[in-house]
Amino acid sequence: MPEASVIRRLIREGRQSEALSGARALAASGSPEGDLLLGWMHQSGAAVPQDLDEAERYYIRAAEHGSSLGMFYLGWFYATAGDLTRAVEWFQRSSTTGCPAATYHLGRMHLVGQGVEQNHNRAMELFATAAHQGHLYARRNIAREMATGKRGLVRIPLGILEVLQVGFLFVSIGLKDPDSERLLRI
């Protein structure tokens, strides 16, 4: 039975049917990672016809097995479907398990008042937590706050330096998407 990293590589290489077979075997063994991969494949229509009900079912299985990423992807699934109440619920659950991507998304939701009451201070707290856990987009958001003087004039130079450092990291690893799977492995 292949590991999840092998299955992700097969997906990137366009070997969808092999990836599907591996993900099914992994899920059948009780692995939440197999459930996550099958959820993504059903949501995106990779190697199988797109089936959002099946995607949700697999994400729920992963989340119910205690997978932090399962909780995150379930929150992301609900957010993309427009069910912000359930998205917030699952992002919060994932965030409490230490998932920086979930914490970042909660911060975004608080920043704009999406599914929760808008609260800039809470958003910055969540971004700070996610940044401390290594989430680059959260670091960027904190750096922008500093660079624009919103955290005091003394922090402007530090903010500018941090914006440059984070920008360099984005370029060096080719990140363009705040939901990138690559962010979860940094």
Protein backbone atom coordinates (compact mmCIF):
# COMPACT_ATOMS: atom_id res chain seq x y z
CA MET A 1 0.00 0.00 0.00
CA PRO A 2 1.55 3.34 -1.03
CA GLU A 3 2.10 6.19 1.38
CA ALA A 4 0.15 9.43 1.04
CA SER A 5 3.23 11.25 -0.28
CA VAL A 6 3.54 8.69 -3.10
CA ILE A 7 -0.14 9.13 -3.96
CA ARG A 8 0.23 12.93 -4.03
CA ARG A 9 3.22 12.52 -6.36
CA LEU A 10 1.16 10.27 -8.65
CA ILE A 11 -1.56 12.95 -8.76
CA ARG A 12 0.99 15.65 -9.66
CA GLU A 13 2.38 13.39 -12.41
CA GLY A 14 -1.11 12.92 -13.86
CA ARG A 15 -1.24 9.22 -12.97
CA GLN A 16 -4.76 9.58 -11.59
CA SER A 17 -5.94 5.96 -11.82
CA GLU A 18 -2.87 4.74 -9.91
CA ALA A 19 -3.39 7.48 -7.34
CA LEU A 20 -7.05 6.53 -6.96
CA SER A 21 -6.16 2.88 -6.41
CA GLY A 22 -3.55 3.82 -3.81
CA ALA A 23 -5.88 6.25 -2.03
CA ARG A 24 -8.61 3.61 -1.85
CA ALA A 25 -6.18 1.09 -0.36
CA LEU A 26 -4.93 3.65 2.15
CA ALA A 27 -8.49 4.61 3.17
CA ALA A 28 -9.50 0.94 3.44
CA SER A 29 -6.66 0.45 5.92
CA GLY A 30 -8.27 3.08 8.15
CA SER A 31 -5.86 5.88 7.29
CA PRO A 32 -7.34 9.39 7.53
CA GLU A 33 -4.82 10.44 4.85
CA GLY A 34 -6.46 8.03 2.42
CA ASP A 35 -9.83 9.56 3.26
CA LEU A 36 -8.42 13.06 2.68
CA LEU A 37 -7.03 12.11 -0.69
CA LEU A 38 -10.29 10.46 -1.75
CA GLY A 39 -12.22 13.50 -0.54
CA TRP A 40 -10.03 15.79 -2.63
CA MET A 41 -10.30 13.51 -5.66
CA HIS A 42 -14.09 13.47 -5.44
CA GLN A 43 -14.25 17.21 -4.85
CA SER A 44 -11.97 18.09 -7.74
CA GLY A 45 -13.05 15.33 -10.12
CA ALA A 46 -9.54 13.84 -10.30
CA ALA A 47 -9.74 10.21 -11.56
CA VAL A 48 -13.43 10.05 -10.60
CA PRO A 49 -16.46 12.09 -11.61
CA GLN A 50 -16.88 15.08 -9.32
CA ASP A 51 -19.13 14.08 -6.42
CA LEU A 52 -19.41 16.61 -3.61
CA ASP A 53 -21.46 14.28 -1.41
CA GLU A 54 -18.71 11.66 -1.57
CA ALA A 55 -16.06 14.32 -0.97
CA GLU A 56 -17.88 15.50 2.15
CA ARG A 57 -18.27 11.91 3.37
CA TYR A 58 -14.54 11.24 3.07
CA TYR A 59 -13.58 14.53 4.73
CA ILE A 60 -15.96 13.76 7.61
CA ARG A 61 -14.39 10.31 8.03
CA ALA A 62 -10.92 11.84 8.22
CA ALA A 63 -12.07 14.52 10.67
CA GLU A 64 -13.88 12.00 12.86
CA HIS A 65 -10.66 9.99 13.10
CA GLY A 66 -9.08 13.06 14.70
CA SER A 67 -7.14 14.22 11.65
CA SER A 68 -6.30 17.89 11.99
CA LEU A 69 -6.01 18.15 8.22
CA GLY A 70 -9.31 16.31 7.87
CA MET A 71 -10.93 18.98 10.02
CA PHE A 72 -9.22 21.70 7.99
CA TYR A 73 -10.29 20.27 4.63
CA LEU A 74 -13.83 19.79 5.90
CA GLY A 75 -13.87 23.47 6.92
CA TRP A 76 -12.44 24.42 3.55
CA PHE A 77 -15.05 22.25 1.81
CA TYR A 78 -17.87 24.01 3.67
CA ALA A 79 -16.35 27.44 3.05
CA THR A 80 -16.17 26.83 -0.70
CA ALA A 81 -19.77 25.55 -0.61
CA GLY A 82 -20.86 28.75 1.16
CA ASP A 83 -21.77 27.05 4.47
CA LEU A 84 -19.81 29.49 6.60
CA THR A 85 -21.25 28.37 9.93
CA ARG A 86 -19.94 24.83 9.47
CA ALA A 87 -16.72 26.16 7.94
CA VAL A 88 -16.01 28.21 11.07
CA GLU A 89 -16.86 25.23 13.29
CA TRP A 90 -14.40 22.91 11.52
CA PHE A 91 -11.68 25.53 11.13
CA GLN A 92 -11.93 26.15 14.89
CA ARG A 93 -11.68 22.45 15.66
CA SER A 94 -8.67 22.09 13.38
CA SER A 95 -7.08 25.23 14.76
CA THR A 96 -7.27 23.91 18.32
CA THR A 97 -5.28 20.87 17.19
CA GLY A 98 -2.50 23.16 15.94
CA CYS A 99 -3.23 23.37 12.20
CA PRO A 100 -1.79 26.72 11.04
CA ALA A 101 -3.83 26.74 7.81
CA ALA A 102 -7.08 26.51 9.79
CA THR A 103 -5.95 29.25 12.14
CA TYR A 104 -5.05 31.44 9.17
CA HIS A 105 -8.46 30.89 7.57
CA LEU A 106 -10.20 31.75 10.82
CA GLY A 107 -8.17 34.95 10.87
CA ARG A 108 -9.28 35.79 7.33
CA MET A 109 -12.89 35.17 8.26
CA HIS A 110 -12.62 37.46 11.30
CA LEU A 111 -10.84 40.10 9.25
CA VAL A 112 -13.72 40.48 6.80
CA GLY A 113 -16.61 39.26 8.95
CA GLN A 114 -17.26 36.13 6.94
CA GLY A 115 -19.29 33.64 8.98
CA VAL A 116 -18.30 35.45 12.18
CA GLU A 117 -18.55 38.98 13.46
CA GLN A 118 -15.83 41.15 11.95
CA ASN A 119 -13.07 41.63 14.50
CA HIS A 120 -9.73 43.01 13.37
CA ASN A 121 -8.01 42.38 16.71
CA ARG A 122 -9.11 38.74 16.79
CA ALA A 123 -7.99 38.34 13.19
CA MET A 124 -4.52 39.64 14.06
CA GLU A 125 -4.33 37.31 17.08
CA LEU A 126 -5.16 34.37 14.85
CA PHE A 127 -2.66 35.49 12.20
CA ALA A 128 0.00 35.83 14.91
CA THR A 129 -0.68 32.27 16.09
CA ALA A 130 -0.58 30.89 12.55
CA ALA A 131 2.57 32.90 11.78
CA HIS A 132 4.23 31.50 14.89
CA GLN A 133 3.37 28.04 13.55
CA GLY A 134 5.10 28.91 10.26
CA HIS A 135 2.19 29.90 8.00
CA LEU A 136 3.68 32.29 5.43
CA TYR A 137 0.49 34.13 4.51
CA ALA A 138 -0.17 34.81 8.18
CA ARG A 139 3.40 36.12 8.52
CA ARG A 140 2.76 38.35 5.51
CA ASN A 141 -0.40 39.76 7.06
CA ILE A 142 1.37 40.59 10.34
CA ALA A 143 4.30 42.09 8.42
CA ARG A 144 1.94 44.33 6.43
CA GLU A 145 0.39 45.56 9.67
CA MET A 146 3.83 46.49 10.96
CA ALA A 147 5.07 47.98 7.67
CA THR A 148 2.06 50.29 7.42
CA GLY A 149 2.48 51.57 10.97
CA LYS A 150 -0.60 49.88 12.41
CA ARG A 151 1.53 48.34 15.16
CA GLY A 152 3.43 51.50 15.98
CA LEU A 153 5.90 53.65 14.09
CA VAL A 154 8.89 51.91 15.65
CA ARG A 155 7.91 48.62 14.00
CA ILE A 156 7.71 49.98 10.44
CA PRO A 157 11.33 49.06 9.52
CA LEU A 158 10.91 45.59 11.03
CA GLY A 159 7.66 45.18 9.11
CA ILE A 160 9.28 46.20 5.84
CA LEU A 161 12.12 43.74 6.44
CA GLU A 162 9.62 40.96 7.23
CA VAL A 163 7.57 41.74 4.08
CA LEU A 164 10.76 41.39 2.03
CA GLN A 165 11.75 38.13 3.75
CA VAL A 166 8.32 36.58 3.30
CA GLY A 167 8.22 37.78 -0.31
CA PHE A 168 11.57 36.13 -0.93
CA LEU A 169 10.25 32.88 0.56
CA PHE A 170 7.15 33.02 -1.66
CA VAL A 171 9.33 33.41 -4.74
CA SER A 172 11.91 30.81 -3.70
CA ILE A 173 9.30 28.07 -3.16
CA GLY A 174 6.90 29.24 -5.86
CA LEU A 175 3.88 29.85 -3.64
CA LYS A 176 0.98 31.79 -5.08
CA ASP A 177 -2.04 30.28 -3.34
CA PRO A 178 -2.82 30.67 0.39
CA ASP A 179 -4.60 27.29 0.26
CA SER A 180 -1.61 25.52 -1.23
CA GLU A 181 -0.98 22.01 0.05
CA ARG A 182 2.70 23.05 0.13
CA LEU A 183 1.96 25.49 2.97
CA LEU A 184 0.88 22.60 5.16
CA ARG A 185 4.33 21.02 4.88
CA ILE A 186 6.57 24.06 5.39
